Amino acid sequence: MAMTSCGKILNLIKLSASIPLKGEYVYLAIYVEGTERQGWLRINSGGTDITAQTIKALPDEPLVGSDNIVYGWIKYYEIPKNLLSSGAINISALNYYDNTTFYDNISFLIE
């Protein structure tokens, strides 16, 4: 997912995993450009909010421009594969500056 503070979605490509998911966990890196409202980033699978059941896999990584200004973050999550009941994850976040919700979907096969 990519979002900007001026309300533009940067990533309009439908995402799809090219290799079926294996193992017990899925690792997800979410690219957020701009500022999302604290606590409003959500991860859903099959219409169920699974955010509270995910684990922060790594600390958030700042996206820094050549001017040393932070313009976004990469957020890393570990998701137990048994929470992925559908063949997709929906990620959403609320823009800090207004009530615009930005979202993206990732499709996959579970093996």
PDB file of N, CA and C in Angstrom:
ATOM      1  N   MET A   1       0.854  -1.160   0.000  1.00  0.00           N
ATOM      2  CA  MET A   1       0.000   0.000   0.000  1.00  0.00           C
ATOM      3  C   MET A   1       0.893   1.213   0.000  1.00  0.00           C
ATOM      4  N   ALA A   2       0.520   2.195  -0.766  1.00  0.00           N
ATOM      5  CA  ALA A   2       1.260   3.450  -0.743  1.00  0.00           C
ATOM      6  C   ALA A   2       0.263   4.584  -0.631  1.00  0.00           C
ATOM      7  N   MET A   3       0.486   5.451   0.318  1.00  0.00           N
ATOM      8  CA  MET A   3      -0.411   6.582   0.441  1.00  0.00           C
ATOM      9  C   MET A   3       0.410   7.836   0.660  1.00  0.00           C
ATOM     10  N   THR A   4      -0.121   8.955   0.255  1.00  0.00           N
ATOM     11  CA  THR A   4       0.560  10.219   0.466  1.00  0.00           C
ATOM     12  C   THR A   4      -0.304  11.102   1.341  1.00  0.00           C
ATOM     13  N   SER A   5       0.323  12.085   1.970  1.00  0.00           N
ATOM     14  CA  SER A   5      -0.426  12.988   2.836  1.00  0.00           C
ATOM     15  C   SER A   5      -1.341  13.898   2.034  1.00  0.00           C
ATOM     16  N   CYS A   6      -1.122  13.998   0.717  1.00  0.00           N
ATOM     17  CA  CYS A   6      -2.008  14.834  -0.095  1.00  0.00           C
ATOM     18  C   CYS A   6      -3.143  14.016  -0.693  1.00  0.00           C
ATOM     19  N   GLY A   7      -3.272  12.756  -0.306  1.00  0.00           N
ATOM     20  CA  GLY A   7      -4.430  11.971  -0.686  1.00  0.00           C
ATOM     21  C   GLY A   7      -4.322  11.235  -2.003  1.00  0.00           C
ATOM     22  N   LYS A   8      -3.138  10.986  -2.486  1.00  0.00           N
ATOM     23  CA  LYS A   8      -2.985  10.247  -3.739  1.00  0.00           C
ATOM     24  C   LYS A   8      -2.501   8.833  -3.449  1.00  0.00           C
ATOM     25  N   ILE A   9      -3.097   7.875  -4.115  1.00  0.00           N
ATOM     26  CA  ILE A   9      -2.619   6.496  -4.004  1.00  0.00           C
ATOM     27  C   ILE A   9      -1.523   6.333  -5.041  1.00  0.00           C
ATOM     28  N   LEU A  10      -0.347   5.904  -4.601  1.00  0.00           N
ATOM     29  CA  LEU A  10       0.787   5.787  -5.501  1.00  0.00           C
ATOM     30  C   LEU A  10       0.863   4.426  -6.174  1.00  0.00           C
ATOM     31  N   ASN A  11       0.357   3.394  -5.524  1.00  0.00           N
ATOM     32  CA  ASN A  11       0.472   2.048  -6.052  1.00  0.00           C
ATOM     33  C   ASN A  11      -0.907   1.562  -6.490  1.00  0.00           C
ATOM     34  N   LEU A  12      -1.172   1.595  -7.785  1.00  0.00           N
ATOM     35  CA  LEU A  12      -2.473   1.183  -8.300  1.00  0.00           C
ATOM     36  C   LEU A  12      -2.441  -0.219  -8.901  1.00  0.00           C
ATOM     37  N   ILE A  13      -1.326  -0.913  -8.761  1.00  0.00           N
ATOM     38  CA  ILE A  13      -1.169  -2.253  -9.328  1.00  0.00           C
ATOM     39  C   ILE A  13      -1.769  -3.269  -8.367  1.00  0.00           C
ATOM     40  N   LYS A  14      -2.584  -4.173  -8.900  1.00  0.00           N
ATOM     41  CA  LYS A  14      -3.106  -5.254  -8.062  1.00  0.00           C
ATOM     42  C   LYS A  14      -1.951  -6.192  -7.745  1.00  0.00           C
ATOM     43  N   LEU A  15      -1.714  -6.451  -6.483  1.00  0.00           N
ATOM     44  CA  LEU A  15      -0.607  -7.282  -6.051  1.00  0.00           C
ATOM     45  C   LEU A  15      -1.041  -8.730  -5.956  1.00  0.00           C
ATOM     46  N   SER A  16      -0.166  -9.617  -6.366  1.00  0.00           N
ATOM     47  CA  SER A  16      -0.440 -11.034  -6.298  1.00  0.00           C
ATOM     48  C   SER A  16       0.861 -11.775  -6.028  1.00  0.00           C
ATOM     49  N   ALA A  17       0.850 -12.657  -5.037  1.00  0.00           N
ATOM     50  CA  ALA A  17       2.036 -13.460  -4.741  1.00  0.00           C
ATOM     51  C   ALA A  17       2.240 -14.476  -5.854  1.00  0.00           C
ATOM     52  N   SER A  18       3.466 -14.589  -6.353  1.00  0.00           N
ATOM     53  CA  SER A  18       3.740 -15.486  -7.476  1.00  0.00           C
ATOM     54  C   SER A  18       4.028 -16.916  -7.035  1.00  0.00           C
ATOM     55  N   ILE A  19       4.330 -17.119  -5.753  1.00  0.00           N
ATOM     56  CA  ILE A  19       4.641 -18.442  -5.218  1.00  0.00           C
ATOM     57  C   ILE A  19       3.619 -18.758  -4.123  1.00  0.00           C
ATOM     58  N   PRO A  20       3.035 -19.966  -4.121  1.00  0.00           N
ATOM     59  CA  PRO A  20       2.087 -20.319  -3.051  1.00  0.00           C
ATOM     60  C   PRO A  20       2.728 -20.195  -1.671  1.00  0.00           C
ATOM     61  N   LEU A  21       1.935 -19.789  -0.683  1.00  0.00           N
ATOM     62  CA  LEU A  21       2.437 -19.607   0.677  1.00  0.00           C
ATOM     63  C   LEU A  21       2.659 -20.947   1.347  1.00  0.00           C
ATOM     64  N   LYS A  22       3.818 -21.098   1.989  1.00  0.00           N
ATOM     65  CA  LYS A  22       4.161 -22.316   2.729  1.00  0.00           C
ATOM     66  C   LYS A  22       4.595 -21.906   4.130  1.00  0.00           C
ATOM     67  N   GLY A  23       4.668 -22.867   5.028  1.00  0.00           N
ATOM     68  CA  GLY A  23       5.133 -22.581   6.377  1.00  0.00           C
ATOM     69  C   GLY A  23       4.014 -22.137   7.297  1.00  0.00           C
ATOM     70  N   GLU A  24       4.401 -21.734   8.496  1.00  0.00           N
ATOM     71  CA  GLU A  24       3.426 -21.356   9.512  1.00  0.00           C
ATOM     72  C   GLU A  24       3.089 -19.875   9.501  1.00  0.00           C
ATOM     73  N   TYR A  25       3.993 -19.033   8.966  1.00  0.00           N
ATOM     74  CA  TYR A  25       3.811 -17.587   9.022  1.00  0.00           C
ATOM     75  C   TYR A  25       3.991 -16.947   7.653  1.00  0.00           C
ATOM     76  N   VAL A  26       3.332 -15.826   7.485  1.00  0.00           N
ATOM     77  CA  VAL A  26       3.491 -14.984   6.297  1.00  0.00           C
ATOM     78  C   VAL A  26       4.116 -13.686   6.780  1.00  0.00           C
ATOM     79  N   TYR A  27       5.120 -13.211   6.065  1.00  0.00           N
ATOM     80  CA  TYR A  27       5.776 -11.951   6.417  1.00  0.00           C
ATOM     81  C   TYR A  27       5.379 -10.894   5.403  1.00  0.00           C
ATOM     82  N   LEU A  28       4.972  -9.759   5.923  1.00  0.00           N
ATOM     83  CA  LEU A  28       4.409  -8.711   5.094  1.00  0.00           C
ATOM     84  C   LEU A  28       5.136  -7.400   5.376  1.00  0.00           C
ATOM     85  N   ALA A  29       5.573  -6.722   4.315  1.00  0.00           N
ATOM     86  CA  ALA A  29       6.161  -5.382   4.429  1.00  0.00           C
ATOM     87  C   ALA A  29       5.174  -4.410   3.805  1.00  0.00           C
ATOM     88  N   ILE A  30       4.707  -3.457   4.585  1.00  0.00           N
ATOM     89  CA  ILE A  30       3.731  -2.478   4.115  1.00  0.00           C
ATOM     90  C   ILE A  30       4.430  -1.143   3.951  1.00  0.00           C
ATOM     91  N   TYR A  31       4.411  -0.620   2.741  1.00  0.00           N
ATOM     92  CA  TYR A  31       5.035   0.656   2.409  1.00  0.00           C
ATOM     93  C   TYR A  31       3.983   1.747   2.544  1.00  0.00           C
ATOM     94  N   VAL A  32       4.217   2.687   3.469  1.00  0.00           N
ATOM     95  CA  VAL A  32       3.283   3.787   3.684  1.00  0.00           C
ATOM     96  C   VAL A  32       4.021   5.090   3.428  1.00  0.00           C
ATOM     97  N   GLU A  33       3.623   5.802   2.399  1.00  0.00           N
ATOM     98  CA  GLU A  33       4.213   7.109   2.136  1.00  0.00           C
ATOM     99  C   GLU A  33       3.244   8.164   2.634  1.00  0.00           C
ATOM    100  N   GLY A  34       3.720   9.032   3.499  1.00  0.00           N
ATOM    101  CA  GLY A  34       2.862  10.023   4.130  1.00  0.00           C
ATOM    102  C   GLY A  34       2.654   9.635   5.576  1.00  0.00           C
ATOM    103  N   THR A  35       1.549  10.050   6.152  1.00  0.00           N
ATOM    104  CA  THR A  35       1.291   9.812   7.569  1.00  0.00           C
ATOM    105  C   THR A  35      -0.094   9.216   7.749  1.00  0.00           C
ATOM    106  N   GLU A  36      -0.127   7.989   8.261  1.00  0.00           N
ATOM    107  CA  GLU A  36      -1.429   7.395   8.559  1.00  0.00           C
ATOM    108  C   GLU A  36      -1.793   7.730   9.995  1.00  0.00           C
ATOM    109  N   ARG A  37      -3.068   7.781  10.267  1.00  0.00           N
ATOM    110  CA  ARG A  37      -3.536   8.069  11.623  1.00  0.00           C
ATOM    111  C   ARG A  37      -3.121   6.919  12.542  1.00  0.00           C
ATOM    112  N   GLN A  38      -2.501   7.237  13.658  1.00  0.00           N
ATOM    113  CA  GLN A  38      -1.993   6.239  14.604  1.00  0.00           C
ATOM    114  C   GLN A  38      -3.096   5.265  15.007  1.00  0.00           C
ATOM    115  N   GLY A  39      -2.806   3.972  14.891  1.00  0.00           N
ATOM    116  CA  GLY A  39      -3.753   2.947  15.296  1.00  0.00           C
ATOM    117  C   GLY A  39      -4.815   2.609  14.255  1.00  0.00           C
ATOM    118  N   TRP A  40      -4.758   3.220  13.080  1.00  0.00           N
ATOM    119  CA  TRP A  40      -5.783   2.996  12.070  1.00  0.00           C
ATOM    120  C   TRP A  40      -5.304   2.151  10.893  1.00  0.00           C
ATOM    121  N   LEU A  41      -4.103   1.605  10.941  1.00  0.00           N
ATOM    122  CA  LEU A  41      -3.664   0.665   9.915  1.00  0.00           C
ATOM    123  C   LEU A  41      -4.291  -0.681  10.257  1.00  0.00           C
ATOM    124  N   ARG A  42      -4.961  -1.289   9.285  1.00  0.00           N
ATOM    125  CA  ARG A  42      -5.678  -2.547   9.509  1.00  0.00           C
ATOM    126  C   ARG A  42      -5.276  -3.587   8.477  1.00  0.00           C
ATOM    127  N   ILE A  43      -5.206  -4.839   8.937  1.00  0.00           N
ATOM    128  CA  ILE A  43      -4.954  -5.981   8.064  1.00  0.00           C
ATOM    129  C   ILE A  43      -6.161  -6.896   8.194  1.00  0.00           C
ATOM    130  N   ASN A  44      -6.815  -7.175   7.073  1.00  0.00           N
ATOM    131  CA  ASN A  44      -8.023  -8.005   7.059  1.00  0.00           C
ATOM    132  C   ASN A  44      -7.824  -9.215   6.158  1.00  0.00           C
ATOM    133  N   SER A  45      -8.451 -10.317   6.527  1.00  0.00           N
ATOM    134  CA  SER A  45      -8.487 -11.511   5.688  1.00  0.00           C
ATOM    135  C   SER A  45      -9.884 -12.109   5.765  1.00  0.00           C
ATOM    136  N   GLY A  46     -10.502 -12.327   4.631  1.00  0.00           N
ATOM    137  CA  GLY A  46     -11.845 -12.915   4.600  1.00  0.00           C
ATOM    138  C   GLY A  46     -12.880 -12.074   5.316  1.00  0.00           C
ATOM    139  N   GLY A  47     -12.710 -10.755   5.322  1.00  0.00           N
ATOM    140  CA  GLY A  47     -13.655  -9.867   5.980  1.00  0.00           C
ATOM    141  C   GLY A  47     -13.449  -9.730   7.481  1.00  0.00           C
ATOM    142  N   THR A  48     -12.417 -10.374   8.023  1.00  0.00           N
ATOM    143  CA  THR A  48     -12.124 -10.321   9.450  1.00  0.00           C
ATOM    144  C   THR A  48     -10.870  -9.489   9.703  1.00  0.00           C
ATOM    145  N   ASP A  49     -10.950  -8.568  10.663  1.00  0.00           N
ATOM    146  CA  ASP A  49      -9.796  -7.760  11.049  1.00  0.00           C
ATOM    147  C   ASP A  49      -8.854  -8.633  11.878  1.00  0.00           C
ATOM    148  N   ILE A  50      -7.674  -8.928  11.333  1.00  0.00           N
ATOM    149  CA  ILE A  50      -6.702  -9.781  12.030  1.00  0.00           C
ATOM    150  C   ILE A  50      -5.519  -8.972  12.565  1.00  0.00           C
ATOM    151  N   THR A  51      -5.614  -7.659  12.534  1.00  0.00           N
ATOM    152  CA  THR A  51      -4.502  -6.794  12.942  1.00  0.00           C
ATOM    153  C   THR A  51      -3.985  -7.135  14.335  1.00  0.00           C
ATOM    154  N   ALA A  52      -4.880  -7.303  15.295  1.00  0.00           N
ATOM    155  CA  ALA A  52      -4.481  -7.557  16.684  1.00  0.00           C
ATOM    156  C   ALA A  52      -3.779  -8.909  16.844  1.00  0.00           C
ATOM    157  N   GLN A  53      -3.958  -9.805  15.884  1.00  0.00           N
ATOM    158  CA  GLN A  53      -3.343 -11.129  15.973  1.00  0.00           C
ATOM    159  C   GLN A  53      -2.031 -11.216  15.207  1.00  0.00           C
ATOM    160  N   THR A  54      -1.617 -10.103  14.588  1.00  0.00           N
ATOM    161  CA  THR A  54      -0.331 -10.072  13.895  1.00  0.00           C
ATOM    162  C   THR A  54       0.762  -9.661  14.875  1.00  0.00           C
ATOM    163  N   ILE A  55       1.992  -9.888  14.471  1.00  0.00           N
ATOM    164  CA  ILE A  55       3.149  -9.554  15.304  1.00  0.00           C
ATOM    165  C   ILE A  55       4.037  -8.618  14.498  1.00  0.00           C
ATOM    166  N   LYS A  56       4.554  -7.579  15.146  1.00  0.00           N
ATOM    167  CA  LYS A  56       5.524  -6.716  14.468  1.00  0.00           C
ATOM    168  C   LYS A  56       6.804  -7.535  14.290  1.00  0.00           C
ATOM    169  N   ALA A  57       7.146  -7.867  13.048  1.00  0.00           N
ATOM    170  CA  ALA A  57       8.302  -8.718  12.769  1.00  0.00           C
ATOM    171  C   ALA A  57       9.623  -7.969  12.952  1.00  0.00           C
ATOM    172  N   LEU A  58       9.620  -6.694  12.607  1.00  0.00           N
ATOM    173  CA  LEU A  58      10.802  -5.831  12.725  1.00  0.00           C
ATOM    174  C   LEU A  58      10.325  -4.437  13.092  1.00  0.00           C
ATOM    175  N   PRO A  59      11.225  -3.601  13.610  1.00  0.00           N
ATOM    176  CA  PRO A  59      10.828  -2.207  13.855  1.00  0.00           C
ATOM    177  C   PRO A  59      10.489  -1.510  12.530  1.00  0.00           C
ATOM    178  N   ASP A  60       9.621  -0.511  12.599  1.00  0.00           N
ATOM    179  CA  ASP A  60       9.304   0.276  11.406  1.00  0.00           C
ATOM    180  C   ASP A  60      10.579   0.902  10.864  1.00  0.00           C
ATOM    181  N   GLU A  61      10.701   0.909   9.548  1.00  0.00           N
ATOM    182  CA  GLU A  61      11.885   1.455   8.888  1.00  0.00           C
ATOM    183  C   GLU A  61      11.507   2.777   8.218  1.00  0.00           C
ATOM    184  N   PRO A  62      12.177   3.877   8.585  1.00  0.00           N
ATOM    185  CA  PRO A  62      11.815   5.164   7.974  1.00  0.00           C
ATOM    186  C   PRO A  62      12.245   5.239   6.511  1.00  0.00           C
ATOM    187  N   LEU A  63      11.411   5.894   5.711  1.00  0.00           N
ATOM    188  CA  LEU A  63      11.761   6.216   4.332  1.00  0.00           C
ATOM    189  C   LEU A  63      12.254   7.661   4.363  1.00  0.00           C
ATOM    190  N   VAL A  64      13.517   7.867   4.024  1.00  0.00           N
ATOM    191  CA  VAL A  64      14.141   9.175   4.165  1.00  0.00           C
ATOM    192  C   VAL A  64      14.614   9.661   2.801  1.00  0.00           C
ATOM    193  N   GLY A  65      14.275  10.901   2.473  1.00  0.00           N
ATOM    194  CA  GLY A  65      14.704  11.500   1.218  1.00  0.00           C
ATOM    195  C   GLY A  65      16.133  12.000   1.292  1.00  0.00           C
ATOM    196  N   SER A  66      16.642  12.482   0.166  1.00  0.00           N
ATOM    197  CA  SER A  66      18.016  13.001   0.113  1.00  0.00           C
ATOM    198  C   SER A  66      18.188  14.226   1.005  1.00  0.00           C
ATOM    199  N   ASP A  67      17.076  14.855   1.394  1.00  0.00           N
ATOM    200  CA  ASP A  67      17.111  16.013   2.287  1.00  0.00           C
ATOM    201  C   ASP A  67      17.031  15.608   3.765  1.00  0.00           C
ATOM    202  N   ASN A  68      17.123  14.290   4.032  1.00  0.00           N
ATOM    203  CA  ASN A  68      17.054  13.717   5.383  1.00  0.00           C
ATOM    204  C   ASN A  68      15.713  13.933   6.072  1.00  0.00           C
ATOM    205  N   ILE A  69      14.658  14.137   5.309  1.00  0.00           N
ATOM    206  CA  ILE A  69      13.315  14.259   5.860  1.00  0.00           C
ATOM    207  C   ILE A  69      12.590  12.925   5.692  1.00  0.00           C
ATOM    208  N   VAL A  70      11.984  12.447   6.769  1.00  0.00           N
ATOM    209  CA  VAL A  70      11.218  11.195   6.728  1.00  0.00           C
ATOM    210  C   VAL A  70       9.905  11.467   6.006  1.00  0.00           C
ATOM    211  N   TYR A  71       9.643  10.697   4.945  1.00  0.00           N
ATOM    212  CA  TYR A  71       8.411  10.892   4.174  1.00  0.00           C
ATOM    213  C   TYR A  71       7.489   9.678   4.231  1.00  0.00           C
ATOM    214  N   GLY A  72       7.854   8.690   5.022  1.00  0.00           N
ATOM    215  CA  GLY A  72       7.012   7.510   5.144  1.00  0.00           C
ATOM    216  C   GLY A  72       7.718   6.423   5.929  1.00  0.00           C
ATOM    217  N   TRP A  73       7.107   5.240   5.924  1.00  0.00           N
ATOM    218  CA  TRP A  73       7.615   4.112   6.712  1.00  0.00           C
ATOM    219  C   TRP A  73       7.382   2.797   5.982  1.00  0.00           C
ATOM    220  N   ILE A  74       8.243   1.832   6.266  1.00  0.00           N
ATOM    221  CA  ILE A  74       7.972   0.445   5.896  1.00  0.00           C
ATOM    222  C   ILE A  74       7.665  -0.261   7.213  1.00  0.00           C
ATOM    223  N   LYS A  75       6.503  -0.900   7.271  1.00  0.00           N
ATOM    224  CA  LYS A  75       6.051  -1.574   8.486  1.00  0.00           C
ATOM    225  C   LYS A  75       6.047  -3.078   8.216  1.00  0.00           C
ATOM    226  N   TYR A  76       6.691  -3.842   9.080  1.00  0.00           N
ATOM    227  CA  TYR A  76       6.866  -5.277   8.886  1.00  0.00           C
ATOM    228  C   TYR A  76       5.985  -6.068   9.857  1.00  0.00           C
ATOM    229  N   TYR A  77       5.234  -7.016   9.307  1.00  0.00           N
ATOM    230  CA  TYR A  77       4.328  -7.830  10.122  1.00  0.00           C
ATOM    231  C   TYR A  77       4.547  -9.313   9.864  1.00  0.00           C
ATOM    232  N   GLU A  78       4.325 -10.102  10.913  1.00  0.00           N
ATOM    233  CA  GLU A  78       4.311 -11.556  10.837  1.00  0.00           C
ATOM    234  C   GLU A  78       2.864 -11.973  11.091  1.00  0.00           C
ATOM    235  N   ILE A  79       2.324 -12.780  10.178  1.00  0.00           N
ATOM    236  CA  ILE A  79       0.929 -13.201  10.286  1.00  0.00           C
ATOM    237  C   ILE A  79       0.874 -14.724  10.327  1.00  0.00           C
ATOM    238  N   PRO A  80       0.270 -15.301  11.371  1.00  0.00           N
ATOM    239  CA  PRO A  80       0.088 -16.751  11.369  1.00  0.00           C
ATOM    240  C   PRO A  80      -0.764 -17.166  10.156  1.00  0.00           C
ATOM    241  N   LYS A  81      -0.267 -18.126   9.403  1.00  0.00           N
ATOM    242  CA  LYS A  81      -0.937 -18.521   8.168  1.00  0.00           C
ATOM    243  C   LYS A  81      -2.358 -19.025   8.406  1.00  0.00           C
ATOM    244  N   ASN A  82      -2.625 -19.582   9.572  1.00  0.00           N
ATOM    245  CA  ASN A  82      -3.978 -20.095   9.839  1.00  0.00           C
ATOM    246  C   ASN A  82      -5.021 -18.974   9.921  1.00  0.00           C
ATOM    247  N   LEU A  83      -4.603 -17.704  10.015  1.00  0.00           N
ATOM    248  CA  LEU A  83      -5.541 -16.574  10.019  1.00  0.00           C
ATOM    249  C   LEU A  83      -5.982 -16.186   8.607  1.00  0.00           C
ATOM    250  N   LEU A  84      -5.306 -16.717   7.617  1.00  0.00           N
ATOM    251  CA  LEU A  84      -5.583 -16.327   6.229  1.00  0.00           C
ATOM    252  C   LEU A  84      -6.603 -17.279   5.621  1.00  0.00           C
ATOM    253  N   SER A  85      -7.856 -17.030   5.931  1.00  0.00           N
ATOM    254  CA  SER A  85      -8.939 -17.918   5.499  1.00  0.00           C
ATOM    255  C   SER A  85      -9.290 -17.733   4.029  1.00  0.00           C
ATOM    256  N   SER A  86      -9.062 -16.569   3.504  1.00  0.00           N
ATOM    257  CA  SER A  86      -9.373 -16.316   2.096  1.00  0.00           C
ATOM    258  C   SER A  86      -8.074 -16.305   1.302  1.00  0.00           C
ATOM    259  N   GLY A  87      -8.163 -16.085   0.034  1.00  0.00           N
ATOM    260  CA  GLY A  87      -6.974 -16.016  -0.809  1.00  0.00           C
ATOM    261  C   GLY A  87      -6.480 -14.601  -0.982  1.00  0.00           C
ATOM    262  N   ALA A  88      -6.711 -13.760   0.042  1.00  0.00           N
ATOM    263  CA  ALA A  88      -6.281 -12.369  -0.079  1.00  0.00           C
ATOM    264  C   ALA A  88      -6.132 -11.716   1.289  1.00  0.00           C
ATOM    265  N   ILE A  89      -5.307 -10.692   1.328  1.00  0.00           N
ATOM    266  CA  ILE A  89      -5.173  -9.819   2.487  1.00  0.00           C
ATOM    267  C   ILE A  89      -5.556  -8.427   2.012  1.00  0.00           C
ATOM    268  N   ASN A  90      -6.365  -7.740   2.800  1.00  0.00           N
ATOM    269  CA  ASN A  90      -6.709  -6.351   2.523  1.00  0.00           C
ATOM    270  C   ASN A  90      -6.027  -5.495   3.593  1.00  0.00           C
ATOM    271  N   ILE A  91      -5.280  -4.490   3.153  1.00  0.00           N
ATOM    272  CA  ILE A  91      -4.582  -3.593   4.068  1.00  0.00           C
ATOM    273  C   ILE A  91      -5.191  -2.208   3.899  1.00  0.00           C
ATOM    274  N   SER A  92      -5.546  -1.569   5.007  1.00  0.00           N
ATOM    275  CA  SER A  92      -6.124  -0.229   4.918  1.00  0.00           C
ATOM    276  C   SER A  92      -5.528   0.669   5.992  1.00  0.00           C
ATOM    277  N   ALA A  93      -5.560   1.963   5.719  1.00  0.00           N
ATOM    278  CA  ALA A  93      -5.078   2.955   6.681  1.00  0.00           C
ATOM    279  C   ALA A  93      -5.857   4.242   6.470  1.00  0.00           C
ATOM    280  N   LEU A  94      -6.043   4.971   7.550  1.00  0.00           N
ATOM    281  CA  LEU A  94      -6.742   6.247   7.502  1.00  0.00           C
ATOM    282  C   LEU A  94      -5.708   7.364   7.436  1.00  0.00           C
ATOM    283  N   ASN A  95      -5.886   8.273   6.481  1.00  0.00           N
ATOM    284  CA  ASN A  95      -4.983   9.396   6.315  1.00  0.00           C
ATOM    285  C   ASN A  95      -5.024  10.275   7.564  1.00  0.00           C
ATOM    286  N   TYR A  96      -3.875  10.732   8.014  1.00  0.00           N
ATOM    287  CA  TYR A  96      -3.769  11.562   9.212  1.00  0.00           C
ATOM    288  C   TYR A  96      -4.500  12.898   9.062  1.00  0.00           C
ATOM    289  N   TYR A  97      -4.489  13.466   7.851  1.00  0.00           N
ATOM    290  CA  TYR A  97      -4.976  14.827   7.654  1.00  0.00           C
ATOM    291  C   TYR A  97      -6.458  14.944   7.312  1.00  0.00           C
ATOM    292  N   ASP A  98      -7.087  13.858   6.918  1.00  0.00           N
ATOM    293  CA  ASP A  98      -8.525  13.884   6.650  1.00  0.00           C
ATOM    294  C   ASP A  98      -9.071  12.482   6.899  1.00  0.00           C
ATOM    295  N   ASN A  99     -10.271  12.220   6.516  1.00  0.00           N
ATOM    296  CA  ASN A  99     -10.868  10.900   6.759  1.00  0.00           C
ATOM    297  C   ASN A  99     -10.796   9.984   5.547  1.00  0.00           C
ATOM    298  N   THR A 100      -9.827  10.210   4.674  1.00  0.00           N
ATOM    299  CA  THR A 100      -9.659   9.361   3.501  1.00  0.00           C
ATOM    300  C   THR A 100      -9.040   8.027   3.916  1.00  0.00           C
ATOM    301  N   THR A 101      -9.639   6.935   3.479  1.00  0.00           N
ATOM    302  CA  THR A 101      -9.085   5.613   3.733  1.00  0.00           C
ATOM    303  C   THR A 101      -8.381   5.134   2.472  1.00  0.00           C
ATOM    304  N   PHE A 102      -7.152   4.693   2.636  1.00  0.00           N
ATOM    305  CA  PHE A 102      -6.376   4.130   1.536  1.00  0.00           C
ATOM    306  C   PHE A 102      -6.280   2.629   1.765  1.00  0.00           C
ATOM    307  N   TYR A 103      -6.327   1.868   0.693  1.00  0.00           N
ATOM    308  CA  TYR A 103      -6.266   0.423   0.858  1.00  0.00           C
ATOM    309  C   TYR A 103      -5.617  -0.230  -0.346  1.00  0.00           C
ATOM    310  N   ASP A 104      -5.179  -1.447  -0.139  1.00  0.00           N
ATOM    311  CA  ASP A 104      -4.628  -2.265  -1.208  1.00  0.00           C
ATOM    312  C   ASP A 104      -4.895  -3.716  -0.854  1.00  0.00           C
ATOM    313  N   ASN A 105      -4.850  -4.588  -1.847  1.00  0.00           N
ATOM    314  CA  ASN A 105      -5.107  -6.014  -1.660  1.00  0.00           C
ATOM    315  C   ASN A 105      -3.935  -6.812  -2.180  1.00  0.00           C
ATOM    316  N   ILE A 106      -3.661  -7.919  -1.521  1.00  0.00           N
ATOM    317  CA  ILE A 106      -2.660  -8.868  -1.989  1.00  0.00           C
ATOM    318  C   ILE A 106      -3.349 -10.220  -2.117  1.00  0.00           C
ATOM    319  N   SER A 107      -3.281 -10.811  -3.308  1.00  0.00           N
ATOM    320  CA  SER A 107      -3.861 -12.131  -3.555  1.00  0.00           C
ATOM    321  C   SER A 107      -2.766 -13.193  -3.474  1.00  0.00           C
ATOM    322  N   PHE A 108      -3.145 -14.416  -3.086  1.00  0.00           N
ATOM    323  CA  PHE A 108      -2.160 -15.484  -2.940  1.00  0.00           C
ATOM    324  C   PHE A 108      -2.854 -16.844  -2.947  1.00  0.00           C
ATOM    325  N   LEU A 109      -2.052 -17.877  -3.111  1.00  0.00           N
ATOM    326  CA  LEU A 109      -2.500 -19.273  -2.961  1.00  0.00           C
ATOM    327  C   LEU A 109      -1.873 -19.817  -1.703  1.00  0.00           C
ATOM    328  N   ILE A 110      -2.599 -20.631  -0.958  1.00  0.00           N
ATOM    329  CA  ILE A 110      -2.071 -21.260   0.238  1.00  0.00           C
ATOM    330  C   ILE A 110      -1.813 -22.725  -0.070  1.00  0.00           C
ATOM    331  N   GLU A 111      -0.626 -23.170   0.264  1.00  0.00           N
ATOM    332  CA  GLU A 111      -0.248 -24.567   0.007  1.00  0.00           C
ATOM    333  C   GLU A 111      -0.206 -25.345   1.301  1.00  0.00           C
TER     334      GLU A 111
END
